[in-house]
């Protein structure tokens, strides 16, 4: 069974590149998000095993995306 992934980035080329790399490695891409708010909404809808997010952008680390639910396995 592959892990499900939500790929988040404001640049479409980055989402595409990351999705392609992860899909080739056997991960299931269940969704993409362009903003932190979209990422939180899609996380709640899709409940992926993993989420990728850009590291250096302040827009992505706003209150809504920092408050996304955290789960443990």
Protein backbone atom coordinates (compact mmCIF):
# COMPACT_ATOMS: atom_id res chain seq x y z
CA UNK A 1 0.00 0.00 0.00
CA UNK A 2 1.41 3.41 -0.98
CA UNK A 3 1.30 6.51 1.17
CA UNK A 4 -1.07 9.29 0.12
CA UNK A 5 0.42 12.76 -0.39
CA UNK A 6 -0.97 16.29 -0.61
CA UNK A 7 1.49 18.43 -2.61
CA UNK A 8 1.43 22.15 -1.78
CA UNK A 9 3.28 25.00 -3.45
CA UNK A 10 2.31 28.30 -5.04
CA UNK A 11 4.25 27.46 -8.23
CA UNK A 12 2.58 24.98 -10.58
CA UNK A 13 5.93 23.78 -11.94
CA UNK A 14 7.06 22.86 -8.40
CA UNK A 15 3.81 21.00 -7.65
CA UNK A 16 4.18 19.14 -10.94
CA UNK A 17 7.84 18.30 -10.38
CA UNK A 18 7.29 17.13 -6.79
CA UNK A 19 4.20 15.14 -7.78
CA UNK A 20 6.07 13.42 -10.63
CA UNK A 21 9.02 12.49 -8.42
CA UNK A 22 6.81 11.16 -5.63
CA UNK A 23 4.54 9.24 -8.04
CA UNK A 24 7.57 7.58 -9.64
CA UNK A 25 8.72 6.59 -6.14
CA UNK A 26 5.39 4.86 -5.52
CA UNK A 27 3.47 7.52 -3.58
CA UNK A 28 -0.18 8.26 -4.37
CA UNK A 29 -0.77 11.97 -5.04
CA UNK A 30 -4.28 12.66 -3.70
CA UNK A 31 -4.35 16.42 -4.20
CA UNK A 32 -2.57 19.71 -4.69
CA UNK A 33 -2.90 23.13 -3.05
CA UNK A 34 -1.70 26.55 -4.17
CA UNK A 35 -2.09 28.44 -0.84
CA UNK A 36 -1.82 27.68 2.86
CA UNK A 37 -5.57 28.05 3.27
CA UNK A 38 -6.21 25.60 0.44
CA UNK A 39 -3.71 23.21 2.00
CA UNK A 40 -5.57 23.21 5.33
CA UNK A 41 -8.94 22.74 3.59
CA UNK A 42 -7.67 19.91 1.39
CA UNK A 43 -5.89 18.27 4.31
CA UNK A 44 -9.16 18.12 6.21
CA UNK A 45 -11.01 16.74 3.17
CA UNK A 46 -8.43 14.23 1.94
CA UNK A 47 -6.65 13.16 5.15
CA UNK A 48 -3.35 12.36 3.38
CA UNK A 49 -0.52 10.44 5.06
CA UNK A 50 2.00 13.14 4.05
CA UNK A 51 1.92 16.84 3.13
CA UNK A 52 4.65 18.76 1.28
CA UNK A 53 4.83 22.53 1.81
CA UNK A 54 7.36 25.19 0.81
CA UNK A 55 9.76 26.03 3.60
CA UNK A 56 10.78 29.67 3.12
CA UNK A 57 7.54 31.48 2.24
CA UNK A 58 5.84 33.49 5.00
CA UNK A 59 2.48 33.17 3.22
CA UNK A 60 2.56 29.43 3.82
CA UNK A 61 3.23 29.74 7.52
CA UNK A 62 0.23 31.91 8.35
CA UNK A 63 -1.99 31.01 11.28
CA UNK A 64 -4.37 28.73 9.33
CA UNK A 65 -1.61 26.53 7.94
CA UNK A 66 0.21 26.35 11.30
CA UNK A 67 -3.00 25.25 12.97
CA UNK A 68 -3.61 22.36 10.57
CA UNK A 69 -4.53 19.21 12.49
CA UNK A 70 -1.61 17.02 13.40
CA UNK A 71 -1.85 13.28 13.68
CA UNK A 72 0.49 10.63 14.89
CA UNK A 73 0.77 7.05 13.73
